[in-house]
Amino acid sequence: MKLDPALLDLLVCPDCRGALAVDEAASELVCTACGLAYPVRDDIPVLLVDEARPTRATR
């Protein structure tokens, strides 16, 4: 997964505006605040809440 570090500094979770962390193994960006994981397809983050999956049991 190749994402520009400058782009990562600008991106936030569209649901809660929390910071996003890179999960290379899963090819996802994971919100450090609410726990939603957003897929990265062909090196393009898909920041749609409908496409995200929860990583925690409760939100």
PDB file of N, CA and C in Angstrom:
ATOM      1  N   MET A   1       0.854  -1.170   0.000  1.00  0.00           N
ATOM      2  CA  MET A   1       0.000   0.000   0.000  1.00  0.00           C
ATOM      3  C   MET A   1       0.901   1.233   0.000  1.00  0.00           C
ATOM      4  N   LYS A   2       0.740   2.068  -0.998  1.00  0.00           N
ATOM      5  CA  LYS A   2       1.555   3.272  -1.127  1.00  0.00           C
ATOM      6  C   LYS A   2       0.670   4.502  -0.966  1.00  0.00           C
ATOM      7  N   LEU A   3       0.776   5.130   0.175  1.00  0.00           N
ATOM      8  CA  LEU A   3       0.023   6.357   0.435  1.00  0.00           C
ATOM      9  C   LEU A   3       1.003   7.476   0.766  1.00  0.00           C
ATOM     10  N   ASP A   4       0.780   8.609   0.193  1.00  0.00           N
ATOM     11  CA  ASP A   4       1.627   9.779   0.423  1.00  0.00           C
ATOM     12  C   ASP A   4       1.494  10.222   1.886  1.00  0.00           C
ATOM     13  N   PRO A   5       2.592  10.320   2.620  1.00  0.00           N
ATOM     14  CA  PRO A   5       2.523  10.760   4.018  1.00  0.00           C
ATOM     15  C   PRO A   5       1.856  12.128   4.186  1.00  0.00           C
ATOM     16  N   ALA A   6       2.030  13.015   3.219  1.00  0.00           N
ATOM     17  CA  ALA A   6       1.388  14.334   3.295  1.00  0.00           C
ATOM     18  C   ALA A   6      -0.129  14.189   3.212  1.00  0.00           C
ATOM     19  N   LEU A   7      -0.601  13.249   2.405  1.00  0.00           N
ATOM     20  CA  LEU A   7      -2.041  12.997   2.302  1.00  0.00           C
ATOM     21  C   LEU A   7      -2.575  12.434   3.613  1.00  0.00           C
ATOM     22  N   LEU A   8      -1.830  11.510   4.205  1.00  0.00           N
ATOM     23  CA  LEU A   8      -2.261  10.915   5.471  1.00  0.00           C
ATOM     24  C   LEU A   8      -2.388  11.954   6.579  1.00  0.00           C
ATOM     25  N   ASP A   9      -1.551  12.981   6.536  1.00  0.00           N
ATOM     26  CA  ASP A   9      -1.633  14.046   7.539  1.00  0.00           C
ATOM     27  C   ASP A   9      -2.933  14.840   7.411  1.00  0.00           C
ATOM     28  N   LEU A  10      -3.512  14.870   6.218  1.00  0.00           N
ATOM     29  CA  LEU A  10      -4.735  15.643   5.972  1.00  0.00           C
ATOM     30  C   LEU A  10      -6.013  14.846   6.211  1.00  0.00           C
ATOM     31  N   LEU A  11      -5.939  13.530   6.063  1.00  0.00           N
ATOM     32  CA  LEU A  11      -7.140  12.705   6.150  1.00  0.00           C
ATOM     33  C   LEU A  11      -7.593  12.500   7.588  1.00  0.00           C
ATOM     34  N   VAL A  12      -8.909  12.526   7.770  1.00  0.00           N
ATOM     35  CA  VAL A  12      -9.526  12.223   9.063  1.00  0.00           C
ATOM     36  C   VAL A  12     -10.711  11.306   8.823  1.00  0.00           C
ATOM     37  N   CYS A  13     -11.185  10.674   9.865  1.00  0.00           N
ATOM     38  CA  CYS A  13     -12.356   9.814   9.794  1.00  0.00           C
ATOM     39  C   CYS A  13     -13.572  10.661   9.406  1.00  0.00           C
ATOM     40  N   PRO A  14     -14.311  10.278   8.369  1.00  0.00           N
ATOM     41  CA  PRO A  14     -15.480  11.059   7.980  1.00  0.00           C
ATOM     42  C   PRO A  14     -16.634  10.941   8.976  1.00  0.00           C
ATOM     43  N   ASP A  15     -16.587   9.955   9.855  1.00  0.00           N
ATOM     44  CA  ASP A  15     -17.660   9.768  10.829  1.00  0.00           C
ATOM     45  C   ASP A  15     -17.464  10.637  12.065  1.00  0.00           C
ATOM     46  N   CYS A  16     -16.242  10.627  12.643  1.00  0.00           N
ATOM     47  CA  CYS A  16     -16.035  11.333  13.918  1.00  0.00           C
ATOM     48  C   CYS A  16     -14.908  12.372  13.863  1.00  0.00           C
ATOM     49  N   ARG A  17     -14.208  12.474  12.741  1.00  0.00           N
ATOM     50  CA  ARG A  17     -13.085  13.403  12.534  1.00  0.00           C
ATOM     51  C   ARG A  17     -11.842  13.009  13.337  1.00  0.00           C
ATOM     52  N   GLY A  18     -11.768  11.730  13.741  1.00  0.00           N
ATOM     53  CA  GLY A  18     -10.596  11.233  14.449  1.00  0.00           C
ATOM     54  C   GLY A  18      -9.437  10.970  13.505  1.00  0.00           C
ATOM     55  N   ALA A  19      -8.259  10.791  14.072  1.00  0.00           N
ATOM     56  CA  ALA A  19      -7.054  10.507  13.287  1.00  0.00           C
ATOM     57  C   ALA A  19      -7.119   9.091  12.726  1.00  0.00           C
ATOM     58  N   LEU A  20      -6.491   8.903  11.559  1.00  0.00           N
ATOM     59  CA  LEU A  20      -6.460   7.596  10.918  1.00  0.00           C
ATOM     60  C   LEU A  20      -5.061   7.001  10.997  1.00  0.00           C
ATOM     61  N   ALA A  21      -4.999   5.714  11.321  1.00  0.00           N
ATOM     62  CA  ALA A  21      -3.740   4.986  11.394  1.00  0.00           C
ATOM     63  C   ALA A  21      -3.709   3.956  10.265  1.00  0.00           C
ATOM     64  N   VAL A  22      -2.546   3.726   9.709  1.00  0.00           N
ATOM     65  CA  VAL A  22      -2.387   2.774   8.609  1.00  0.00           C
ATOM     66  C   VAL A  22      -2.262   1.361   9.163  1.00  0.00           C
ATOM     67  N   ASP A  23      -3.057   0.447   8.607  1.00  0.00           N
ATOM     68  CA  ASP A  23      -2.934  -0.984   8.895  1.00  0.00           C
ATOM     69  C   ASP A  23      -2.501  -1.643   7.592  1.00  0.00           C
ATOM     70  N   GLU A  24      -1.189  -1.792   7.411  1.00  0.00           N
ATOM     71  CA  GLU A  24      -0.626  -2.340   6.164  1.00  0.00           C
ATOM     72  C   GLU A  24      -1.126  -3.754   5.892  1.00  0.00           C
ATOM     73  N   ALA A  25      -1.183  -4.588   6.925  1.00  0.00           N
ATOM     74  CA  ALA A  25      -1.546  -5.990   6.752  1.00  0.00           C
ATOM     75  C   ALA A  25      -2.955  -6.147   6.195  1.00  0.00           C
ATOM     76  N   ALA A  26      -3.872  -5.294   6.635  1.00  0.00           N
ATOM     77  CA  ALA A  26      -5.264  -5.379   6.191  1.00  0.00           C
ATOM     78  C   ALA A  26      -5.578  -4.420   5.050  1.00  0.00           C
ATOM     79  N   SER A  27      -4.621  -3.603   4.640  1.00  0.00           N
ATOM     80  CA  SER A  27      -4.835  -2.563   3.614  1.00  0.00           C
ATOM     81  C   SER A  27      -6.012  -1.674   3.991  1.00  0.00           C
ATOM     82  N   GLU A  28      -5.927  -1.128   5.193  1.00  0.00           N
ATOM     83  CA  GLU A  28      -6.999  -0.278   5.713  1.00  0.00           C
ATOM     84  C   GLU A  28      -6.416   0.935   6.430  1.00  0.00           C
ATOM     85  N   LEU A  29      -7.261   1.938   6.577  1.00  0.00           N
ATOM     86  CA  LEU A  29      -6.995   3.064   7.465  1.00  0.00           C
ATOM     87  C   LEU A  29      -7.980   2.920   8.619  1.00  0.00           C
ATOM     88  N   VAL A  30      -7.458   2.885   9.834  1.00  0.00           N
ATOM     89  CA  VAL A  30      -8.290   2.645  11.009  1.00  0.00           C
ATOM     90  C   VAL A  30      -8.351   3.912  11.852  1.00  0.00           C
ATOM     91  N   CYS A  31      -9.568   4.316  12.216  1.00  0.00           N
ATOM     92  CA  CYS A  31      -9.762   5.488  13.049  1.00  0.00           C
ATOM     93  C   CYS A  31      -9.330   5.168  14.473  1.00  0.00           C
ATOM     94  N   THR A  32      -8.477   6.012  15.029  1.00  0.00           N
ATOM     95  CA  THR A  32      -7.994   5.798  16.393  1.00  0.00           C
ATOM     96  C   THR A  32      -9.027   6.216  17.433  1.00  0.00           C
ATOM     97  N   ALA A  33     -10.059   6.935  17.021  1.00  0.00           N
ATOM     98  CA  ALA A  33     -11.085   7.393  17.967  1.00  0.00           C
ATOM     99  C   ALA A  33     -12.288   6.449  18.015  1.00  0.00           C
ATOM    100  N   CYS A  34     -12.916   6.191  16.875  1.00  0.00           N
ATOM    101  CA  CYS A  34     -14.151   5.392  16.876  1.00  0.00           C
ATOM    102  C   CYS A  34     -13.939   3.951  16.437  1.00  0.00           C
ATOM    103  N   GLY A  35     -12.799   3.644  15.837  1.00  0.00           N
ATOM    104  CA  GLY A  35     -12.490   2.271  15.480  1.00  0.00           C
ATOM    105  C   GLY A  35     -12.965   1.802  14.118  1.00  0.00           C
ATOM    106  N   LEU A  36     -13.556   2.671  13.312  1.00  0.00           N
ATOM    107  CA  LEU A  36     -13.967   2.249  11.976  1.00  0.00           C
ATOM    108  C   LEU A  36     -12.734   2.043  11.098  1.00  0.00           C
ATOM    109  N   ALA A  37     -12.773   1.007  10.275  1.00  0.00           N
ATOM    110  CA  ALA A  37     -11.669   0.701   9.367  1.00  0.00           C
ATOM    111  C   ALA A  37     -12.136   0.936   7.937  1.00  0.00           C
ATOM    112  N   TYR A  38     -11.410   1.783   7.224  1.00  0.00           N
ATOM    113  CA  TYR A  38     -11.743   2.145   5.855  1.00  0.00           C
ATOM    114  C   TYR A  38     -10.800   1.419   4.900  1.00  0.00           C
ATOM    115  N   PRO A  39     -11.342   0.767   3.870  1.00  0.00           N
ATOM    116  CA  PRO A  39     -10.479   0.024   2.949  1.00  0.00           C
ATOM    117  C   PRO A  39      -9.648   0.949   2.073  1.00  0.00           C
ATOM    118  N   VAL A  40      -8.512   0.427   1.638  1.00  0.00           N
ATOM    119  CA  VAL A  40      -7.666   1.118   0.663  1.00  0.00           C
ATOM    120  C   VAL A  40      -7.606   0.197  -0.553  1.00  0.00           C
ATOM    121  N   ARG A  41      -8.135   0.658  -1.668  1.00  0.00           N
ATOM    122  CA  ARG A  41      -8.173  -0.143  -2.886  1.00  0.00           C
ATOM    123  C   ARG A  41      -7.320   0.524  -3.961  1.00  0.00           C
ATOM    124  N   ASP A  42      -6.386  -0.226  -4.508  1.00  0.00           N
ATOM    125  CA  ASP A  42      -5.477   0.300  -5.540  1.00  0.00           C
ATOM    126  C   ASP A  42      -4.804   1.592  -5.071  1.00  0.00           C
ATOM    127  N   ASP A  43      -4.375   1.587  -3.806  1.00  0.00           N
ATOM    128  CA  ASP A  43      -3.689   2.732  -3.182  1.00  0.00           C
ATOM    129  C   ASP A  43      -4.566   3.973  -3.058  1.00  0.00           C
ATOM    130  N   ILE A  44      -5.897   3.787  -3.085  1.00  0.00           N
ATOM    131  CA  ILE A  44      -6.838   4.900  -2.932  1.00  0.00           C
ATOM    132  C   ILE A  44      -7.715   4.622  -1.708  1.00  0.00           C
ATOM    133  N   PRO A  45      -7.654   5.487  -0.684  1.00  0.00           N
ATOM    134  CA  PRO A  45      -8.508   5.300   0.487  1.00  0.00           C
ATOM    135  C   PRO A  45      -9.984   5.511   0.127  1.00  0.00           C
ATOM    136  N   VAL A  46     -10.821   4.582   0.553  1.00  0.00           N
ATOM    137  CA  VAL A  46     -12.260   4.682   0.334  1.00  0.00           C
ATOM    138  C   VAL A  46     -12.869   5.165   1.647  1.00  0.00           C
ATOM    139  N   LEU A  47     -13.009   6.471   1.778  1.00  0.00           N
ATOM    140  CA  LEU A  47     -13.467   7.070   3.033  1.00  0.00           C
ATOM    141  C   LEU A  47     -14.969   7.299   3.021  1.00  0.00           C
ATOM    142  N   LEU A  48     -15.702   6.221   2.846  1.00  0.00           N
ATOM    143  CA  LEU A  48     -17.161   6.244   2.891  1.00  0.00           C
ATOM    144  C   LEU A  48     -17.593   5.455   4.120  1.00  0.00           C
ATOM    145  N   VAL A  49     -18.421   6.044   4.960  1.00  0.00           N
ATOM    146  CA  VAL A  49     -18.864   5.375   6.178  1.00  0.00           C
ATOM    147  C   VAL A  49     -19.577   4.072   5.834  1.00  0.00           C
ATOM    148  N   ASP A  50     -20.311   4.048   4.730  1.00  0.00           N
ATOM    149  CA  ASP A  50     -21.016   2.828   4.316  1.00  0.00           C
ATOM    150  C   ASP A  50     -20.059   1.696   3.930  1.00  0.00           C
ATOM    151  N   GLU A  51     -18.834   2.022   3.556  1.00  0.00           N
ATOM    152  CA  GLU A  51     -17.833   1.021   3.176  1.00  0.00           C
ATOM    153  C   GLU A  51     -16.961   0.596   4.352  1.00  0.00           C
ATOM    154  N   ALA A  52     -17.041   1.311   5.463  1.00  0.00           N
ATOM    155  CA  ALA A  52     -16.194   1.028   6.628  1.00  0.00           C
ATOM    156  C   ALA A  52     -16.732  -0.165   7.405  1.00  0.00           C
ATOM    157  N   ARG A  53     -15.821  -0.792   8.134  1.00  0.00           N
ATOM    158  CA  ARG A  53     -16.236  -1.888   9.018  1.00  0.00           C
ATOM    159  C   ARG A  53     -15.810  -1.550  10.444  1.00  0.00           C
ATOM    160  N   PRO A  54     -16.628  -1.911  11.412  1.00  0.00           N
ATOM    161  CA  PRO A  54     -16.249  -1.632  12.798  1.00  0.00           C
ATOM    162  C   PRO A  54     -15.145  -2.594  13.247  1.00  0.00           C
ATOM    163  N   THR A  55     -14.210  -2.089  14.034  1.00  0.00           N
ATOM    164  CA  THR A  55     -13.143  -2.931  14.570  1.00  0.00           C
ATOM    165  C   THR A  55     -13.316  -3.177  16.062  1.00  0.00           C
ATOM    166  N   ARG A  56     -14.305  -2.559  16.636  1.00  0.00           N
ATOM    167  CA  ARG A  56     -14.599  -2.728  18.064  1.00  0.00           C
ATOM    168  C   ARG A  56     -16.028  -3.231  18.228  1.00  0.00           C
ATOM    169  N   ALA A  57     -16.293  -3.900  19.343  1.00  0.00           N
ATOM    170  CA  ALA A  57     -17.627  -4.447  19.593  1.00  0.00           C
ATOM    171  C   ALA A  57     -18.660  -3.352  19.785  1.00  0.00           C
ATOM    172  N   THR A  58     -18.275  -2.248  20.448  1.00  0.00           N
ATOM    173  CA  THR A  58     -19.215  -1.152  20.680  1.00  0.00           C
ATOM    174  C   THR A  58     -18.639   0.130  20.114  1.00  0.00           C
ATOM    175  N   ARG A  59     -19.503   0.998  19.700  1.00  0.00           N
ATOM    176  CA  ARG A  59     -19.104   2.291  19.159  1.00  0.00           C
ATOM    177  C   ARG A  59     -19.683   3.383  19.994  1.00  0.00           C
TER     178      ARG A  59
END
